[in-house]
C-alpha atoms as a PDB file:
ATOM      1  CA  UNK A   1     -13.985   6.024   5.121  1.00  0.00           C
ATOM      2  CA  UNK A   2     -10.361   6.273   3.997  1.00  0.00           C
ATOM      3  CA  UNK A   3      -9.118   9.615   2.748  1.00  0.00           C
ATOM      4  CA  UNK A   4     -10.142  10.464  -0.780  1.00  0.00           C
ATOM      5  CA  UNK A   5      -7.555  10.882  -3.553  1.00  0.00           C
ATOM      6  CA  UNK A   6      -6.380  14.448  -4.330  1.00  0.00           C
ATOM      7  CA  UNK A   7      -6.755  15.501  -0.675  1.00  0.00           C
ATOM      8  CA  UNK A   8      -4.067  18.044   0.308  1.00  0.00           C
ATOM      9  CA  UNK A   9      -1.276  16.175   2.167  1.00  0.00           C
ATOM     10  CA  UNK A  10      -1.069  16.735   5.917  1.00  0.00           C
ATOM     11  CA  UNK A  11       2.602  17.754   5.690  1.00  0.00           C
ATOM     12  CA  UNK A  12       2.072  20.209   2.820  1.00  0.00           C
ATOM     13  CA  UNK A  13       2.447  23.970   3.265  1.00  0.00           C
ATOM     14  CA  UNK A  14       1.098  25.845   0.249  1.00  0.00           C
ATOM     15  CA  UNK A  15       3.134  28.710  -1.197  1.00  0.00           C
ATOM     16  CA  UNK A  16       3.155  30.773  -4.372  1.00  0.00           C
ATOM     17  CA  UNK A  17       6.608  32.350  -4.593  1.00  0.00           C
ATOM     18  CA  UNK A  18      10.226  31.728  -3.727  1.00  0.00           C
ATOM     19  CA  UNK A  19      13.353  33.622  -4.747  1.00  0.00           C
ATOM     20  CA  UNK A  20      15.240  30.680  -6.254  1.00  0.00           C
ATOM     21  CA  UNK A  21      14.318  27.744  -8.469  1.00  0.00           C
ATOM     22  CA  UNK A  22      16.134  24.552  -7.578  1.00  0.00           C
ATOM     23  CA  UNK A  23      15.998  21.049  -6.167  1.00  0.00           C
ATOM     24  CA  UNK A  24      12.787  19.520  -4.860  1.00  0.00           C
ATOM     25  CA  UNK A  25       9.753  17.579  -6.009  1.00  0.00           C
ATOM     26  CA  UNK A  26       9.084  18.467  -9.645  1.00  0.00           C
ATOM     27  CA  UNK A  27       5.654  17.863 -11.198  1.00  0.00           C
ATOM     28  CA  UNK A  28       6.392  18.233 -14.902  1.00  0.00           C
ATOM     29  CA  UNK A  29       3.480  18.062 -17.342  1.00  0.00           C
ATOM     30  CA  UNK A  30       3.027  18.080 -21.103  1.00  0.00           C
ATOM     31  CA  UNK A  31      -0.689  18.636 -21.586  1.00  0.00           C
ATOM     32  CA  UNK A  32      -2.356  16.456 -18.965  1.00  0.00           C
ATOM     33  CA  UNK A  33       0.477  13.886 -18.821  1.00  0.00           C
ATOM     34  CA  UNK A  34       2.881  13.752 -15.865  1.00  0.00           C
ATOM     35  CA  UNK A  35       6.578  12.922 -16.291  1.00  0.00           C
ATOM     36  CA  UNK A  36       7.316   9.813 -14.202  1.00  0.00           C
ATOM     37  CA  UNK A  37       9.464   6.733 -13.944  1.00  0.00           C
ATOM     38  CA  UNK A  38       7.170   3.782 -14.636  1.00  0.00           C
ATOM     39  CA  UNK A  39       7.223   0.068 -13.979  1.00  0.00           C
ATOM     40  CA  UNK A  40       5.664  -2.486 -16.336  1.00  0.00           C
ATOM     41  CA  UNK A  41       1.834  -2.632 -16.565  1.00  0.00           C
ATOM     42  CA  UNK A  42       1.340  -5.503 -14.139  1.00  0.00           C
ATOM     43  CA  UNK A  43      -1.178  -4.316 -11.527  1.00  0.00           C
ATOM     44  CA  UNK A  44      -4.890  -4.966 -12.138  1.00  0.00           C
ATOM     45  CA  UNK A  45      -7.047  -1.928 -12.862  1.00  0.00           C
ATOM     46  CA  UNK A  46     -10.505  -1.131 -11.496  1.00  0.00           C
ATOM     47  CA  UNK A  47     -10.911   1.540 -14.186  1.00  0.00           C
ATOM     48  CA  UNK A  48     -12.537   0.389 -17.453  1.00  0.00           C
ATOM     49  CA  UNK A  49     -10.513   3.016 -19.354  1.00  0.00           C
ATOM     50  CA  UNK A  50      -7.371   0.854 -19.183  1.00  0.00           C
ATOM     51  CA  UNK A  51      -6.571  -2.785 -18.474  1.00  0.00           C
ATOM     52  CA  UNK A  52      -3.660  -2.486 -16.056  1.00  0.00           C
ATOM     53  CA  UNK A  53      -1.759  -0.045 -13.880  1.00  0.00           C
ATOM     54  CA  UNK A  54       2.039   0.145 -13.787  1.00  0.00           C
ATOM     55  CA  UNK A  55       3.799  -1.923 -11.136  1.00  0.00           C
ATOM     56  CA  UNK A  56       5.234   1.291  -9.711  1.00  0.00           C
ATOM     57  CA  UNK A  57       5.553   4.991 -10.492  1.00  0.00           C
ATOM     58  CA  UNK A  58       7.989   7.550  -9.107  1.00  0.00           C
ATOM     59  CA  UNK A  59       8.643  11.220  -9.628  1.00  0.00           C
ATOM     60  CA  UNK A  60      12.044  11.742 -11.272  1.00  0.00           C
ATOM     61  CA  UNK A  61      14.809  13.337  -9.237  1.00  0.00           C
ATOM     62  CA  UNK A  62      15.588  16.789 -10.639  1.00  0.00           C
ATOM     63  CA  UNK A  63      18.057  19.176  -9.025  1.00  0.00           C
ATOM     64  CA  UNK A  64      16.938  22.081 -11.214  1.00  0.00           C
ATOM     65  CA  UNK A  65      14.547  23.045 -14.011  1.00  0.00           C
ATOM     66  CA  UNK A  66      17.013  22.469 -16.871  1.00  0.00           C
ATOM     67  CA  UNK A  67      17.257  18.682 -16.711  1.00  0.00           C
ATOM     68  CA  UNK A  68      14.388  17.501 -18.913  1.00  0.00           C
ATOM     69  CA  UNK A  69      15.740  18.567 -22.282  1.00  0.00           C
ATOM     70  CA  UNK A  70      13.033  21.104 -23.213  1.00  0.00           C
ATOM     71  CA  UNK A  71      12.418  24.660 -22.083  1.00  0.00           C
ATOM     72  CA  UNK A  72       9.354  24.919 -19.869  1.00  0.00           C
ATOM     73  CA  UNK A  73       6.504  27.181 -20.935  1.00  0.00           C
ATOM     74  CA  UNK A  74       5.836  28.032 -17.288  1.00  0.00           C
ATOM     75  CA  UNK A  75       7.147  27.142 -13.849  1.00  0.00           C
ATOM     76  CA  UNK A  76       5.077  27.556 -10.661  1.00  0.00           C
ATOM     77  CA  UNK A  77       6.097  27.191  -7.041  1.00  0.00           C
ATOM     78  CA  UNK A  78       3.600  25.023  -5.132  1.00  0.00           C
ATOM     79  CA  UNK A  79       4.938  25.105  -1.583  1.00  0.00           C
ATOM     80  CA  UNK A  80       6.726  22.612   0.677  1.00  0.00           C
ATOM     81  CA  UNK A  81       5.984  18.950   1.367  1.00  0.00           C
ATOM     82  CA  UNK A  82       7.644  17.751   4.541  1.00  0.00           C
ATOM     83  CA  UNK A  83      10.101  20.629   4.257  1.00  0.00           C
ATOM     84  CA  UNK A  84      10.967  19.931   0.595  1.00  0.00           C
ATOM     85  CA  UNK A  85      10.177  22.519  -2.090  1.00  0.00           C
ATOM     86  CA  UNK A  86       7.607  21.497  -4.728  1.00  0.00           C
ATOM     87  CA  UNK A  87       7.410  22.841  -8.268  1.00  0.00           C
ATOM     88  CA  UNK A  88       5.097  22.494 -11.254  1.00  0.00           C
ATOM     89  CA  UNK A  89       6.360  22.933 -14.807  1.00  0.00           C
ATOM     90  CA  UNK A  90       4.734  22.699 -18.215  1.00  0.00           C
ATOM     91  CA  UNK A  91       6.581  21.511 -21.309  1.00  0.00           C
ATOM     92  CA  UNK A  92       5.340  21.972 -24.878  1.00  0.00           C
ATOM     93  CA  UNK A  93       2.840  19.436 -26.172  1.00  0.00           C
ATOM     94  CA  UNK A  94       4.692  16.614 -27.885  1.00  0.00           C
ATOM     95  CA  UNK A  95       7.898  17.117 -25.895  1.00  0.00           C
ATOM     96  CA  UNK A  96       9.963  13.940 -25.747  1.00  0.00           C
ATOM     97  CA  UNK A  97      10.387  12.312 -22.353  1.00  0.00           C
ATOM     98  CA  UNK A  98      14.002  11.989 -21.147  1.00  0.00           C
ATOM     99  CA  UNK A  99      15.551   8.522 -21.245  1.00  0.00           C
ATOM    100  CA  UNK A 100      14.071   6.207 -18.632  1.00  0.00           C
ATOM    101  CA  UNK A 101      10.994   8.376 -18.088  1.00  0.00           C
ATOM    102  CA  UNK A 102       7.475   8.388 -19.527  1.00  0.00           C
ATOM    103  CA  UNK A 103       4.433  10.620 -19.865  1.00  0.00           C
ATOM    104  CA  UNK A 104       1.374   9.238 -18.095  1.00  0.00           C
ATOM    105  CA  UNK A 105      -2.092  10.528 -17.209  1.00  0.00           C
ATOM    106  CA  UNK A 106      -3.132  10.797 -13.582  1.00  0.00           C
ATOM    107  CA  UNK A 107      -5.873   8.161 -13.662  1.00  0.00           C
ATOM    108  CA  UNK A 108      -3.510   5.207 -14.324  1.00  0.00           C
ATOM    109  CA  UNK A 109      -1.189   6.494 -11.576  1.00  0.00           C
ATOM    110  CA  UNK A 110      -3.847   6.215  -8.843  1.00  0.00           C
ATOM    111  CA  UNK A 111      -2.702   3.860  -6.045  1.00  0.00           C
ATOM    112  CA  UNK A 112       0.674   3.503  -7.791  1.00  0.00           C
ATOM    113  CA  UNK A 113       2.313   6.900  -7.324  1.00  0.00           C
ATOM    114  CA  UNK A 114       2.930   7.981  -3.720  1.00  0.00           C
ATOM    115  CA  UNK A 115      -0.363   9.322  -2.287  1.00  0.00           C
ATOM    116  CA  UNK A 116       1.063  12.743  -1.364  1.00  0.00           C
ATOM    117  CA  UNK A 117       2.741  13.114  -4.747  1.00  0.00           C
ATOM    118  CA  UNK A 118      -0.467  12.037  -6.479  1.00  0.00           C
ATOM    119  CA  UNK A 119      -2.457  14.684  -4.602  1.00  0.00           C
ATOM    120  CA  UNK A 120       0.044  17.429  -5.444  1.00  0.00           C
ATOM    121  CA  UNK A 121       0.111  16.327  -9.078  1.00  0.00           C
ATOM    122  CA  UNK A 122      -3.630  17.048  -9.186  1.00  0.00           C
ATOM    123  CA  UNK A 123      -3.018  20.478  -7.673  1.00  0.00           C
ATOM    124  CA  UNK A 124      -0.159  21.183 -10.091  1.00  0.00           C
ATOM    125  CA  UNK A 125      -2.230  20.224 -13.139  1.00  0.00           C
ATOM    126  CA  UNK A 126      -5.004  22.659 -12.176  1.00  0.00           C
ATOM    127  CA  UNK A 127      -2.627  25.529 -11.427  1.00  0.00           C
ATOM    128  CA  UNK A 128      -0.704  25.107 -14.669  1.00  0.00           C
ATOM    129  CA  UNK A 129      -3.942  25.268 -16.656  1.00  0.00           C
ATOM    130  CA  UNK A 130      -5.076  28.355 -14.712  1.00  0.00           C
ATOM    131  CA  UNK A 131      -1.765  30.120 -15.334  1.00  0.00           C
ATOM    132  CA  UNK A 132      -1.850  29.228 -19.045  1.00  0.00           C
ATOM    133  CA  UNK A 133      -5.434  30.430 -19.486  1.00  0.00           C
ATOM    134  CA  UNK A 134      -4.979  33.801 -17.735  1.00  0.00           C
ATOM    135  CA  UNK A 135      -1.867  35.240 -19.328  1.00  0.00           C
ATOM    136  CA  UNK A 136      -4.025  38.083 -20.665  1.00  0.00           C
ATOM    137  CA  UNK A 137      -6.820  40.057 -19.032  1.00  0.00           C
ATOM    138  CA  UNK A 138     -10.268  38.796 -19.932  1.00  0.00           C
ATOM    139  CA  UNK A 139     -11.638  42.338 -19.788  1.00  0.00           C
ATOM    140  CA  UNK A 140      -9.113  44.510 -21.671  1.00  0.00           C
ATOM    141  CA  UNK A 141      -6.530  42.096 -23.093  1.00  0.00           C
ATOM    142  CA  UNK A 142      -3.513  43.486 -21.224  1.00  0.00           C
ATOM    143  CA  UNK A 143      -0.847  40.919 -20.173  1.00  0.00           C
ATOM    144  CA  UNK A 144      -1.437  39.943 -16.545  1.00  0.00           C
ATOM    145  CA  UNK A 145       1.103  39.754 -13.740  1.00  0.00           C
ATOM    146  CA  UNK A 146       1.413  37.138 -10.992  1.00  0.00           C
ATOM    147  CA  UNK A 147       1.494  38.431  -7.416  1.00  0.00           C
ATOM    148  CA  UNK A 148       4.121  37.152  -4.998  1.00  0.00           C
ATOM    149  CA  UNK A 149       1.991  36.999  -1.863  1.00  0.00           C
ATOM    150  CA  UNK A 150      -1.093  35.145  -3.183  1.00  0.00           C
ATOM    151  CA  UNK A 151      -2.145  32.875  -6.041  1.00  0.00           C
ATOM    152  CA  UNK A 152      -3.647  35.408  -8.430  1.00  0.00           C
ATOM    153  CA  UNK A 153      -2.872  37.067 -11.776  1.00  0.00           C
ATOM    154  CA  UNK A 154      -3.729  40.770 -11.891  1.00  0.00           C
ATOM    155  CA  UNK A 155      -4.214  43.093 -14.848  1.00  0.00           C
ATOM    156  CA  UNK A 156      -1.973  46.168 -14.371  1.00  0.00           C
ATOM    157  CA  UNK A 157      -4.310  48.270 -16.539  1.00  0.00           C
ATOM    158  CA  UNK A 158      -7.837  47.649 -15.229  1.00  0.00           C
ATOM    159  CA  UNK A 159      -6.922  45.727 -12.018  1.00  0.00           C
ATOM    160  CA  UNK A 160      -9.086  42.703 -12.833  1.00  0.00           C
ATOM    161  CA  UNK A 161      -7.930  39.735 -10.730  1.00  0.00           C
ATOM    162  CA  UNK A 162      -7.983  36.125 -11.956  1.00  0.00           C
ATOM    163  CA  UNK A 163      -7.839  33.495  -9.219  1.00  0.00           C
ATOM    164  CA  UNK A 164      -7.564  29.748  -9.847  1.00  0.00           C
ATOM    165  CA  UNK A 165     -10.959  28.460 -10.878  1.00  0.00           C
ATOM    166  CA  UNK A 166     -12.844  25.857  -8.839  1.00  0.00           C
ATOM    167  CA  UNK A 167     -16.192  24.688 -10.223  1.00  0.00           C
ATOM    168  CA  UNK A 168     -18.475  23.206  -7.523  1.00  0.00           C
ATOM    169  CA  UNK A 169     -20.547  20.213  -8.619  1.00  0.00           C
ATOM    170  CA  UNK A 170     -23.024  18.179  -6.597  1.00  0.00           C
ATOM    171  CA  UNK A 171     -23.347  14.398  -6.747  1.00  0.00           C
ATOM    172  CA  UNK A 172     -26.519  12.553  -5.763  1.00  0.00           C
ATOM    173  CA  UNK A 173     -26.882   8.870  -4.998  1.00  0.00           C
ATOM    174  CA  UNK A 174     -30.626   8.184  -4.842  1.00  0.00           C
ATOM    175  CA  UNK A 175     -31.797   4.981  -3.149  1.00  0.00           C
ATOM    176  CA  UNK A 176     -35.165   3.260  -2.756  1.00  0.00           C
ATOM    177  CA  UNK A 177     -35.233   0.271  -0.436  1.00  0.00           C
ATOM    178  CA  UNK A 178     -32.452  -2.048  -1.622  1.00  0.00           C
ATOM    179  CA  UNK A 179     -32.147  -0.291  -4.983  1.00  0.00           C
ATOM    180  CA  UNK A 180     -29.794   2.435  -6.209  1.00  0.00           C
ATOM    181  CA  UNK A 181     -30.605   4.835  -9.039  1.00  0.00           C
ATOM    182  CA  UNK A 182     -27.559   4.816 -11.307  1.00  0.00           C
ATOM    183  CA  UNK A 183     -27.101   6.387 -14.723  1.00  0.00           C
ATOM    184  CA  UNK A 184     -24.587   6.613 -17.519  1.00  0.00           C
ATOM    185  CA  UNK A 185     -23.482   9.571 -19.584  1.00  0.00           C
ATOM    186  CA  UNK A 186     -22.738   9.146 -23.302  1.00  0.00           C
ATOM    187  CA  UNK A 187     -19.016   9.755 -22.615  1.00  0.00           C
ATOM    188  CA  UNK A 188     -18.720   6.968 -19.977  1.00  0.00           C
ATOM    189  CA  UNK A 189     -16.782   3.783 -20.785  1.00  0.00           C
ATOM    190  CA  UNK A 190     -19.047   1.044 -22.133  1.00  0.00           C
ATOM    191  CA  UNK A 191     -21.282  -0.497 -19.494  1.00  0.00           C
ATOM    192  CA  UNK A 192     -20.279   1.830 -16.646  1.00  0.00           C
ATOM    193  CA  UNK A 193     -22.915   3.514 -14.451  1.00  0.00           C
ATOM    194  CA  UNK A 194     -22.516   6.056 -11.672  1.00  0.00           C
ATOM    195  CA  UNK A 195     -24.334   8.458  -9.361  1.00  0.00           C
ATOM    196  CA  UNK A 196     -25.944  11.594 -10.804  1.00  0.00           C
ATOM    197  CA  UNK A 197     -23.944  14.832 -10.872  1.00  0.00           C
ATOM    198  CA  UNK A 198     -24.127  18.397 -12.133  1.00  0.00           C
ATOM    199  CA  UNK A 199     -22.617  21.854 -11.699  1.00  0.00           C
ATOM    200  CA  UNK A 200     -23.981  24.427  -9.294  1.00  0.00           C
ATOM    201  CA  UNK A 201     -25.534  27.432 -11.029  1.00  0.00           C
ATOM    202  CA  UNK A 202     -25.285  31.069  -9.845  1.00  0.00           C
ATOM    203  CA  UNK A 203     -27.929  31.930  -7.270  1.00  0.00           C
ATOM    204  CA  UNK A 204     -28.721  28.431  -5.993  1.00  0.00           C
ATOM    205  CA  UNK A 205     -27.712  26.493  -2.883  1.00  0.00           C
ATOM    206  CA  UNK A 206     -26.182  23.032  -2.978  1.00  0.00           C
ATOM    207  CA  UNK A 207     -29.491  21.523  -1.886  1.00  0.00           C
ATOM    208  CA  UNK A 208     -31.411  23.373  -4.610  1.00  0.00           C
ATOM    209  CA  UNK A 209     -28.865  22.276  -7.201  1.00  0.00           C
ATOM    210  CA  UNK A 210     -29.191  18.691  -6.032  1.00  0.00           C
ATOM    211  CA  UNK A 211     -32.987  18.647  -6.416  1.00  0.00           C
ATOM    212  CA  UNK A 212     -32.811  20.417  -9.793  1.00  0.00           C
ATOM    213  CA  UNK A 213     -30.136  18.133 -11.261  1.00  0.00           C
ATOM    214  CA  UNK A 214     -31.907  14.931 -10.212  1.00  0.00           C
ATOM    215  CA  UNK A 215     -35.236  16.175 -11.591  1.00  0.00           C
ATOM    216  CA  UNK A 216     -33.632  17.349 -14.846  1.00  0.00           C
ATOM    217  CA  UNK A 217     -31.503  14.273 -15.465  1.00  0.00           C
ATOM    218  CA  UNK A 218     -33.876  11.462 -14.482  1.00  0.00           C
ATOM    219  CA  UNK A 219     -37.249  13.069 -13.685  1.00  0.00           C
ATOM    220  CA  UNK A 220     -37.633  11.965 -10.058  1.00  0.00           C
ATOM    221  CA  UNK A 221     -37.995  13.890  -6.802  1.00  0.00           C
ATOM    222  CA  UNK A 222     -35.867  13.308  -3.703  1.00  0.00           C
ATOM    223  CA  UNK A 223     -36.104  13.747   0.079  1.00  0.00           C
ATOM    224  CA  UNK A 224     -34.033  13.229   3.259  1.00  0.00           C
ATOM    225  CA  UNK A 225     -30.830  14.545   1.724  1.00  0.00           C
ATOM    226  CA  UNK A 226     -27.624  13.899   3.697  1.00  0.00           C
ATOM    227  CA  UNK A 227     -24.120  15.212   3.085  1.00  0.00           C
ATOM    228  CA  UNK A 228     -21.525  12.485   2.422  1.00  0.00           C
ATOM    229  CA  UNK A 229     -18.129  14.013   1.575  1.00  0.00           C
ATOM    230  CA  UNK A 230     -16.306  16.243  -0.928  1.00  0.00           C
ATOM    231  CA  UNK A 231     -13.362  15.727  -3.264  1.00  0.00           C
ATOM    232  CA  UNK A 232     -11.094  17.933  -5.321  1.00  0.00           C
ATOM    233  CA  UNK A 233     -11.308  16.652  -8.914  1.00  0.00           C
ATOM    234  CA  UNK A 234      -8.651  17.971 -11.334  1.00  0.00           C
ATOM    235  CA  UNK A 235     -10.451  16.950 -14.543  1.00  0.00           C
ATOM    236  CA  UNK A 236     -10.220  19.827 -15.083  1.00  0.00           C
ATOM    237  CA  UNK A 237     -10.983  21.912 -11.939  1.00  0.00           C
ATOM    238  CA  UNK A 238     -14.026  20.692 -10.018  1.00  0.00           C
ATOM    239  CA  UNK A 239     -14.966  20.331  -6.375  1.00  0.00           C
ATOM    240  CA  UNK A 240     -17.282  17.321  -6.105  1.00  0.00           C
ATOM    241  CA  UNK A 241     -19.774  17.533  -3.206  1.00  0.00           C
ATOM    242  CA  UNK A 242     -21.587  14.242  -2.651  1.00  0.00           C
ATOM    243  CA  UNK A 243     -24.965  13.612  -1.032  1.00  0.00           C
ATOM    244  CA  UNK A 244     -27.140  10.609  -0.188  1.00  0.00           C
ATOM    245  CA  UNK A 245     -30.840  10.996  -1.082  1.00  0.00           C
ATOM    246  CA  UNK A 246     -34.016   8.978  -0.794  1.00  0.00           C
ATOM    247  CA  UNK A 247     -36.437   8.595  -3.695  1.00  0.00           C
ATOM    248  CA  UNK A 248     -39.663  10.475  -3.030  1.00  0.00           C
ATOM    249  CA  UNK A 249     -41.727  10.219  -6.220  1.00  0.00           C
ATOM    250  CA  UNK A 250     -41.615  10.046  -9.994  1.00  0.00           C
ATOM    251  CA  UNK A 251     -40.625   7.603 -12.726  1.00  0.00           C
ATOM    252  CA  UNK A 252     -37.248   7.584 -14.466  1.00  0.00           C
ATOM    253  CA  UNK A 253     -37.141   9.750 -17.595  1.00  0.00           C
ATOM    254  CA  UNK A 254     -33.523  10.136 -18.839  1.00  0.00           C
ATOM    255  CA  UNK A 255     -32.638  13.627 -20.062  1.00  0.00           C
ATOM    256  CA  UNK A 256     -31.944  13.559 -23.795  1.00  0.00           C
ATOM    257  CA  UNK A 257     -28.346  14.357 -24.666  1.00  0.00           C
ATOM    258  CA  UNK A 258     -27.190  14.182 -21.036  1.00  0.00           C
ATOM    259  CA  UNK A 259     -28.198  10.719 -19.803  1.00  0.00           C
ATOM    260  CA  UNK A 260     -27.821   7.737 -22.108  1.00  0.00           C
ATOM    261  CA  UNK A 261     -29.531   5.349 -19.718  1.00  0.00           C
ATOM    262  CA  UNK A 262     -30.702   5.284 -16.083  1.00  0.00           C
ATOM    263  CA  UNK A 263     -32.130   2.428 -14.035  1.00  0.00           C
ATOM    264  CA  UNK A 264     -32.806   1.115 -10.553  1.00  0.00           C
ATOM    265  CA  UNK A 265     -30.251  -1.542  -9.607  1.00  0.00           C
ATOM    266  CA  UNK A 266     -30.568  -4.035  -6.773  1.00  0.00           C
ATOM    267  CA  UNK A 267     -27.528  -4.134  -4.483  1.00  0.00           C
ATOM    268  CA  UNK A 268     -26.871  -7.732  -5.518  1.00  0.00           C
ATOM    269  CA  UNK A 269     -26.897  -6.910  -9.224  1.00  0.00           C
ATOM    270  CA  UNK A 270     -24.931  -3.692  -9.650  1.00  0.00           C
ATOM    271  CA  UNK A 271     -23.457  -2.782 -13.041  1.00  0.00           C
ATOM    272  CA  UNK A 272     -19.857  -1.832 -13.762  1.00  0.00           C
ATOM    273  CA  UNK A 273     -18.966   1.038 -11.404  1.00  0.00           C
ATOM    274  CA  UNK A 274     -16.430   3.898 -11.466  1.00  0.00           C
ATOM    275  CA  UNK A 275     -12.880   3.444 -10.209  1.00  0.00           C
ATOM    276  CA  UNK A 276     -12.095   4.002  -6.527  1.00  0.00           C
ATOM    277  CA  UNK A 277     -10.164   7.113  -7.555  1.00  0.00           C
ATOM    278  CA  UNK A 278     -13.514   8.937  -7.548  1.00  0.00           C
ATOM    279  CA  UNK A 279     -15.852   9.973  -4.773  1.00  0.00           C
ATOM    280  CA  UNK A 280     -18.652   8.366  -6.807  1.00  0.00           C
ATOM    281  CA  UNK A 281     -17.340   4.868  -6.077  1.00  0.00           C
ATOM    282  CA  UNK A 282     -16.742   5.673  -2.388  1.00  0.00           C
ATOM    283  CA  UNK A 283     -20.316   7.004  -2.194  1.00  0.00           C
ATOM    284  CA  UNK A 284     -21.828   3.910  -3.804  1.00  0.00           C
ATOM    285  CA  UNK A 285     -19.796   1.527  -1.638  1.00  0.00           C
ATOM    286  CA  UNK A 286     -20.725   3.418   1.545  1.00  0.00           C
ATOM    287  CA  UNK A 287     -24.462   3.382   0.793  1.00  0.00           C
ATOM    288  CA  UNK A 288     -24.364  -0.327  -0.097  1.00  0.00           C
ATOM    289  CA  UNK A 289     -22.699  -1.065   3.239  1.00  0.00           C
ATOM    290  CA  UNK A 290     -25.194   1.124   5.111  1.00  0.00           C
ATOM    291  CA  UNK A 291     -28.220  -0.588   3.543  1.00  0.00           C
ATOM    292  CA  UNK A 292     -26.784  -4.075   4.151  1.00  0.00           C
ATOM    293  CA  UNK A 293     -26.188  -3.241   7.821  1.00  0.00           C
ATOM    294  CA  UNK A 294     -29.786  -2.102   8.180  1.00  0.00           C
ATOM    295  CA  UNK A 295     -31.246  -5.298   6.671  1.00  0.00           C
END
């Protein structure tokens, strides 16, 4: 399996502080939109959310943090990629893009922006949100302070520490013979189905979460669970942990409010699937290949 999107680049050295702010790779966001140089929308898209991807996308070349025409709300040092400093900056919502540049979400930039830059853009987006959301202590309300030697904001009054949040979520692809159990959430694009997924609750293991989520969402029981892979998912700050499962018993009963529809699909008649940006699509493709090789 090829490396999943948002994987930390091999040549990246994470950091959280440097004495000077200057030239390097700048990941500038306004909300969840990245500032990039874009080509025309000519490349076909495998994501039902949009019809085409841009022909190309590049990070703009900035020598310092004063070149985009608006004062940044926050600037974070990310580390070094291949020896080059990397920075994240957040501009106010509605900030105008400089001439020749555009604001674009990360999903349309998949497979268009350089893979390493795409991965670090996902990291930057999560860290900017964390820094924005933890300016004040959640316990006593005192303004927090960023430490130089680790990625954390600390309350000087009560010493509460706020680290970047990562929410673990399991994903289950259940199969039965040549059939896959796929479902759709009410917020999915029309006609798209995917594997089941849900967040891990306090006090349960990944395997317990997997069994609980499948039973809650579609009413079936599973067995012979196998780990597949994991993926950082910056929408907004998840760690997706995917498993392959076999159907054991039970009939499909979609959970009201959570699952709009769920069905068994033969490998030769699969519905519209998620984009290859997600581990869900890699999981489905891998299981289809595995079953075909066994037949």
